[in-house]
Protein backbone atom coordinates (compact mmCIF):
# COMPACT_ATOMS: atom_id res chain seq x y z
CA MET A 1 -0.28 0.08 -0.27
CA LYS A 2 0.66 3.51 -0.75
CA ASN A 3 2.83 4.85 2.41
CA ASN A 4 1.46 9.07 1.58
CA THR A 5 3.52 11.11 4.23
CA THR A 6 1.85 14.33 1.86
CA LYS A 7 -1.97 14.01 1.28
CA ARG A 8 -3.39 15.00 -2.03
CA PHE A 9 -7.29 15.78 -4.19
CA ILE A 10 -7.91 14.23 -7.14
CA ARG A 11 -10.66 15.00 -8.56
CA VAL A 12 -13.85 13.50 -10.19
CA PRO A 13 -12.57 12.00 -14.01
CA GLU A 14 -9.85 10.63 -11.93
CA VAL A 15 -11.63 8.51 -9.56
CA LEU A 16 -13.51 6.76 -11.50
CA ARG A 17 -10.49 5.67 -14.15
CA ARG A 18 -8.93 4.65 -11.13
CA VAL A 19 -11.84 2.68 -9.79
CA GLY A 20 -13.14 1.50 -12.68
CA PHE A 21 -17.10 2.54 -13.23
CA GLY A 22 -19.32 4.97 -13.95
CA ARG A 23 -20.57 8.04 -11.89
CA THR A 24 -23.46 7.30 -11.29
CA LYS A 25 -22.26 3.92 -9.27
CA LEU A 26 -19.29 6.67 -7.97
CA TYR A 27 -22.28 8.46 -5.68
CA GLU A 28 -24.22 5.34 -5.28
CA LEU A 29 -21.11 3.92 -3.04
CA ILE A 30 -20.59 6.82 -1.46
CA ARG A 31 -24.53 7.29 0.42
CA GLN A 32 -24.52 3.20 1.10
CA GLY A 33 -21.33 4.22 2.82
CA ARG A 34 -19.03 2.28 1.11
CA PHE A 35 -16.70 4.70 -0.46
CA PRO A 36 -14.79 7.20 0.55
CA GLU A 37 -16.95 10.18 0.74
CA GLN A 38 -15.62 13.37 -1.73
CA VAL A 39 -15.00 17.26 0.10
CA LYS A 40 -15.28 20.08 -0.95
CA ILE A 41 -12.13 22.31 -2.14
CA GLY A 42 -14.21 25.02 -2.84
CA PRO A 43 -18.01 26.81 -3.73
CA ARG A 44 -18.67 24.98 -6.83
CA THR A 45 -16.23 22.21 -6.73
CA VAL A 46 -15.22 18.69 -4.29
CA ALA A 47 -12.14 16.77 -4.86
CA PHE A 48 -11.32 13.05 -2.93
CA VAL A 49 -8.05 12.41 -0.66
CA GLU A 50 -6.15 10.14 -2.76
CA SER A 51 -4.59 8.23 -0.09
CA GLU A 52 -8.15 7.21 0.98
CA ILE A 53 -9.49 6.40 -2.55
CA ASP A 54 -6.15 3.92 -2.40
CA GLU A 55 -6.47 1.83 0.58
CA TRP A 56 -10.44 1.51 -0.57
CA ILE A 57 -8.59 -0.10 -3.64
CA GLU A 58 -6.20 -1.89 -1.43
CA ALA A 59 -9.62 -3.90 0.77
CA THR A 60 -11.62 -3.87 -1.90
CA ILE A 61 -8.80 -6.33 -4.28
CA ARG A 62 -8.08 -7.91 -0.40
CA ASN A 63 -11.84 -8.68 -0.11
CA SER A 64 -12.50 -10.11 -3.25
CA ARG A 65 -9.29 -12.92 -3.15
CA GLN A 66 -10.17 -14.04 0.35
CA ASN A 67 -13.55 -14.45 -1.00
CA ALA A 68 -12.26 -16.35 -3.45
CA ALA A 69 -10.11 -18.35 -2.09
């Protein structure tokens, strides 16, 4: 897993590229509490904390492999 000492924001298009699903599914998972919430960084701008997205991806991989075994 990445060990970031510096926090970095990434925007929705980058998150979608990393996770491989669409915007509707992204916001559905957020509403269900199954995906990290976005952070408001401006009056009309949101982003995600990169390390939280990386952790979610790693956990999803681990869970998938544990369930397959």
